[in-house]
N, C-alpha and C. Protein backbone atom coordinates (compact mmCIF):
# COMPACT_ATOMS: atom_id res chain seq x y z
N MET A 1 0.84 -1.16 0.00
CA MET A 1 0.00 0.00 0.00
C MET A 1 0.89 1.24 0.00
N THR A 2 0.57 2.17 -0.85
CA THR A 2 1.37 3.37 -0.97
C THR A 2 0.68 4.52 -0.25
N VAL A 3 1.46 5.25 0.50
CA VAL A 3 0.93 6.39 1.22
C VAL A 3 1.50 7.65 0.59
N LEU A 4 0.63 8.56 0.20
CA LEU A 4 1.06 9.81 -0.39
C LEU A 4 1.11 10.88 0.71
N ALA A 5 2.17 11.65 0.72
CA ALA A 5 2.31 12.69 1.72
C ALA A 5 2.45 14.03 1.03
N LEU A 6 1.68 15.01 1.47
CA LEU A 6 1.79 16.34 0.92
C LEU A 6 2.93 17.08 1.60
N SER A 7 3.64 17.87 0.82
CA SER A 7 4.77 18.62 1.35
C SER A 7 4.25 19.80 2.17
N ARG A 8 4.99 20.21 3.18
CA ARG A 8 4.61 21.37 3.98
C ARG A 8 4.94 22.66 3.25
N GLN A 9 5.88 22.60 2.28
CA GLN A 9 6.28 23.80 1.56
C GLN A 9 5.18 24.24 0.59
N SER A 10 4.58 23.33 -0.08
CA SER A 10 3.54 23.66 -1.04
C SER A 10 2.50 22.55 -1.01
N SER A 11 1.26 22.95 -1.04
CA SER A 11 0.20 21.95 -0.98
C SER A 11 0.02 21.27 -2.34
N TYR A 12 0.73 21.75 -3.38
CA TYR A 12 0.61 21.16 -4.70
C TYR A 12 1.65 20.09 -4.99
N GLN A 13 2.65 19.95 -4.16
CA GLN A 13 3.68 18.96 -4.38
C GLN A 13 3.31 17.66 -3.68
N ILE A 14 3.42 16.59 -4.42
CA ILE A 14 3.15 15.26 -3.85
C ILE A 14 4.44 14.48 -3.93
N HIS A 15 4.87 13.90 -2.82
CA HIS A 15 6.11 13.13 -2.77
C HIS A 15 5.76 11.65 -2.80
N PHE A 16 6.35 10.95 -3.76
CA PHE A 16 6.17 9.51 -3.86
C PHE A 16 7.38 8.84 -3.25
N PRO A 17 7.16 7.86 -2.43
CA PRO A 17 8.30 7.11 -1.90
C PRO A 17 9.02 6.38 -3.04
N ALA A 18 10.30 6.14 -2.89
CA ALA A 18 11.09 5.45 -3.92
C ALA A 18 10.57 4.04 -4.17
N ARG A 19 9.99 3.45 -3.17
CA ARG A 19 9.47 2.09 -3.31
C ARG A 19 8.33 2.03 -4.32
N THR A 20 7.60 3.11 -4.49
CA THR A 20 6.46 3.12 -5.40
C THR A 20 6.89 2.87 -6.84
N MET A 21 7.96 3.52 -7.28
CA MET A 21 8.42 3.33 -8.65
C MET A 21 8.92 1.90 -8.86
N ARG A 22 9.58 1.35 -7.88
CA ARG A 22 10.05 -0.03 -7.99
C ARG A 22 8.87 -0.98 -8.12
N GLU A 23 7.84 -0.77 -7.31
CA GLU A 23 6.65 -1.61 -7.39
C GLU A 23 5.96 -1.44 -8.74
N PHE A 24 5.95 -0.21 -9.25
CA PHE A 24 5.34 0.05 -10.54
C PHE A 24 6.04 -0.74 -11.64
N PHE A 25 7.37 -0.70 -11.68
CA PHE A 25 8.09 -1.39 -12.74
C PHE A 25 8.01 -2.91 -12.57
N VAL A 26 7.96 -3.39 -11.36
CA VAL A 26 7.78 -4.83 -11.15
C VAL A 26 6.40 -5.25 -11.66
N ASN A 27 5.41 -4.41 -11.43
CA ASN A 27 4.06 -4.72 -11.90
C ASN A 27 4.00 -4.67 -13.43
N VAL A 28 4.67 -3.71 -14.04
CA VAL A 28 4.67 -3.61 -15.50
C VAL A 28 5.35 -4.82 -16.14
N THR A 29 6.39 -5.34 -15.50
CA THR A 29 7.07 -6.50 -16.08
C THR A 29 6.21 -7.77 -16.02
N ARG A 30 5.16 -7.75 -15.26
CA ARG A 30 4.27 -8.91 -15.19
C ARG A 30 3.29 -8.95 -16.36
N TYR A 31 3.02 -7.82 -17.01
CA TYR A 31 2.01 -7.78 -18.06
C TYR A 31 2.28 -8.72 -19.23
N PRO A 32 3.51 -8.86 -19.73
CA PRO A 32 3.70 -9.84 -20.83
C PRO A 32 3.31 -11.26 -20.44
N ARG A 33 3.57 -11.63 -19.19
CA ARG A 33 3.18 -12.97 -18.75
C ARG A 33 1.66 -13.11 -18.74
N TYR A 34 0.95 -12.07 -18.29
CA TYR A 34 -0.51 -12.11 -18.31
C TYR A 34 -1.04 -12.18 -19.74
N LEU A 35 -0.42 -11.43 -20.65
CA LEU A 35 -0.85 -11.44 -22.04
C LEU A 35 -0.65 -12.81 -22.68
N ILE A 36 0.48 -13.44 -22.42
CA ILE A 36 0.73 -14.77 -22.96
C ILE A 36 -0.25 -15.79 -22.38
N ALA A 37 -0.48 -15.73 -21.08
CA ALA A 37 -1.41 -16.67 -20.45
C ALA A 37 -2.83 -16.48 -20.98
N PHE A 38 -3.24 -15.23 -21.16
CA PHE A 38 -4.58 -14.95 -21.69
C PHE A 38 -4.71 -15.45 -23.12
N GLY A 39 -3.70 -15.19 -23.94
CA GLY A 39 -3.72 -15.64 -25.33
C GLY A 39 -3.77 -17.15 -25.45
N LEU A 40 -2.97 -17.84 -24.64
CA LEU A 40 -2.98 -19.30 -24.67
C LEU A 40 -4.32 -19.86 -24.18
N GLY A 41 -4.92 -19.21 -23.20
CA GLY A 41 -6.22 -19.65 -22.71
C GLY A 41 -7.30 -19.50 -23.77
N VAL A 42 -7.30 -18.38 -24.48
CA VAL A 42 -8.27 -18.17 -25.56
C VAL A 42 -8.04 -19.17 -26.68
N LEU A 43 -6.78 -19.37 -27.05
CA LEU A 43 -6.46 -20.33 -28.10
C LEU A 43 -6.90 -21.74 -27.71
N ASN A 44 -6.70 -22.12 -26.47
CA ASN A 44 -7.12 -23.44 -25.99
C ASN A 44 -8.63 -23.57 -26.02
N SER A 45 -9.36 -22.53 -25.60
CA SER A 45 -10.82 -22.62 -25.59
C SER A 45 -11.41 -22.68 -26.98
N VAL A 46 -10.74 -22.08 -27.95
CA VAL A 46 -11.23 -22.11 -29.33
C VAL A 46 -10.83 -23.42 -30.01
N ALA A 47 -9.60 -23.86 -29.80
CA ALA A 47 -9.08 -25.03 -30.52
C ALA A 47 -9.65 -26.35 -30.00
N GLN A 48 -9.93 -26.43 -28.72
CA GLN A 48 -10.39 -27.71 -28.16
C GLN A 48 -11.68 -28.22 -28.80
N PRO A 49 -12.74 -27.40 -28.94
CA PRO A 49 -13.95 -27.92 -29.60
C PRO A 49 -13.73 -28.23 -31.08
N LEU A 50 -12.84 -27.46 -31.74
CA LEU A 50 -12.59 -27.73 -33.16
C LEU A 50 -11.87 -29.05 -33.36
N VAL A 51 -10.95 -29.38 -32.49
CA VAL A 51 -10.21 -30.64 -32.61
C VAL A 51 -11.15 -31.83 -32.40
N GLN A 52 -12.13 -31.68 -31.53
CA GLN A 52 -13.08 -32.76 -31.29
C GLN A 52 -13.94 -33.03 -32.53
N ARG A 53 -14.16 -32.01 -33.35
CA ARG A 53 -15.01 -32.16 -34.52
C ARG A 53 -14.26 -32.69 -35.74
N LEU A 54 -12.95 -32.88 -35.64
CA LEU A 54 -12.19 -33.37 -36.79
C LEU A 54 -12.44 -34.84 -37.10
N SER A 55 -13.16 -35.55 -36.25
CA SER A 55 -13.44 -36.96 -36.53
C SER A 55 -14.41 -37.14 -37.70
N ASN A 56 -15.27 -36.15 -37.93
CA ASN A 56 -16.20 -36.19 -39.06
C ASN A 56 -15.46 -35.64 -40.29
N PRO A 57 -15.34 -36.41 -41.39
CA PRO A 57 -14.56 -35.95 -42.55
C PRO A 57 -15.11 -34.68 -43.20
N VAL A 58 -16.42 -34.52 -43.25
CA VAL A 58 -17.00 -33.32 -43.88
C VAL A 58 -16.64 -32.09 -43.05
N THR A 59 -16.76 -32.20 -41.75
CA THR A 59 -16.42 -31.09 -40.88
C THR A 59 -14.92 -30.79 -40.93
N ALA A 60 -14.10 -31.83 -41.04
CA ALA A 60 -12.65 -31.64 -41.12
C ALA A 60 -12.28 -30.87 -42.38
N VAL A 61 -12.89 -31.22 -43.51
CA VAL A 61 -12.61 -30.51 -44.76
C VAL A 61 -13.06 -29.05 -44.65
N ALA A 62 -14.22 -28.82 -44.06
CA ALA A 62 -14.72 -27.45 -43.90
C ALA A 62 -13.81 -26.64 -42.98
N LEU A 63 -13.32 -27.22 -41.90
CA LEU A 63 -12.43 -26.50 -40.98
C LEU A 63 -11.09 -26.19 -41.64
N ILE A 64 -10.55 -27.16 -42.38
CA ILE A 64 -9.28 -26.92 -43.06
C ILE A 64 -9.46 -25.83 -44.13
N GLY A 65 -10.57 -25.87 -44.86
CA GLY A 65 -10.85 -24.82 -45.85
C GLY A 65 -11.00 -23.45 -45.20
N ALA A 66 -11.65 -23.39 -44.04
CA ALA A 66 -11.81 -22.12 -43.34
C ALA A 66 -10.46 -21.60 -42.85
N LEU A 67 -9.60 -22.47 -42.36
CA LEU A 67 -8.27 -22.04 -41.92
C LEU A 67 -7.44 -21.51 -43.08
N ILE A 68 -7.46 -22.21 -44.21
CA ILE A 68 -6.70 -21.76 -45.38
C ILE A 68 -7.26 -20.43 -45.89
N SER A 69 -8.58 -20.31 -45.94
CA SER A 69 -9.21 -19.07 -46.39
C SER A 69 -8.86 -17.91 -45.45
N GLY A 70 -8.89 -18.15 -44.16
CA GLY A 70 -8.53 -17.12 -43.19
C GLY A 70 -7.08 -16.70 -43.32
N PHE A 71 -6.19 -17.66 -43.55
CA PHE A 71 -4.78 -17.34 -43.71
C PHE A 71 -4.54 -16.51 -44.97
N ILE A 72 -5.19 -16.89 -46.07
CA ILE A 72 -5.04 -16.13 -47.31
C ILE A 72 -5.58 -14.71 -47.13
N THR A 73 -6.72 -14.57 -46.48
CA THR A 73 -7.28 -13.24 -46.22
C THR A 73 -6.33 -12.41 -45.38
N LEU A 74 -5.76 -12.99 -44.35
CA LEU A 74 -4.81 -12.27 -43.50
C LEU A 74 -3.60 -11.80 -44.29
N VAL A 75 -3.06 -12.68 -45.15
CA VAL A 75 -1.90 -12.33 -45.96
C VAL A 75 -2.24 -11.19 -46.91
N LEU A 76 -3.40 -11.26 -47.57
CA LEU A 76 -3.77 -10.21 -48.52
C LEU A 76 -4.01 -8.87 -47.83
N VAL A 77 -4.65 -8.89 -46.67
CA VAL A 77 -4.89 -7.64 -45.94
C VAL A 77 -3.58 -7.04 -45.46
N LEU A 78 -2.70 -7.85 -44.90
CA LEU A 78 -1.41 -7.32 -44.44
C LEU A 78 -0.57 -6.82 -45.62
N ARG A 79 -0.60 -7.51 -46.74
CA ARG A 79 0.15 -7.06 -47.90
C ARG A 79 -0.40 -5.72 -48.40
N ALA A 80 -1.73 -5.54 -48.40
CA ALA A 80 -2.31 -4.28 -48.83
C ALA A 80 -1.98 -3.15 -47.85
N MET A 81 -1.86 -3.46 -46.58
CA MET A 81 -1.52 -2.43 -45.59
C MET A 81 -0.06 -2.02 -45.68
N VAL A 82 0.82 -2.93 -46.02
CA VAL A 82 2.25 -2.66 -45.98
C VAL A 82 2.77 -2.14 -47.32
N THR A 83 2.21 -2.60 -48.41
CA THR A 83 2.72 -2.23 -49.72
C THR A 83 2.46 -0.76 -49.99
N THR A 84 3.51 -0.08 -50.49
CA THR A 84 3.35 1.32 -50.85
C THR A 84 2.94 1.40 -52.31
N THR A 85 2.13 2.40 -52.63
CA THR A 85 1.68 2.60 -53.99
C THR A 85 2.16 3.95 -54.49
N ALA A 86 2.08 4.15 -55.78
CA ALA A 86 2.50 5.42 -56.38
C ALA A 86 1.53 6.53 -55.98
N THR A 87 2.04 7.74 -55.91
CA THR A 87 1.17 8.87 -55.55
C THR A 87 0.24 9.20 -56.69
N LEU A 88 -0.80 9.92 -56.43
CA LEU A 88 -1.82 10.24 -57.42
C LEU A 88 -1.53 11.56 -58.15
N SER A 89 -0.30 11.80 -58.51
CA SER A 89 0.02 13.07 -59.18
C SER A 89 0.13 12.91 -60.67
């Protein structure tokens, strides 16, 4: 718990203890771990039901087609975003 103390010299100055910045940076370094854990959890929740449906050949073909179509769409969108075009002059 951080306690903020107002200075006696000016009521507008707030002094933060040195420990506060250390706690802040320790907390910030935890965010990548939370992001990875969240991403893996979402991926697991989406992939698990799809893997169970691969036993039916029709569903397997549809899922593989959807994955290929999604990948092609992603590639085309990213290529359109990154590629530079000539100016309109």
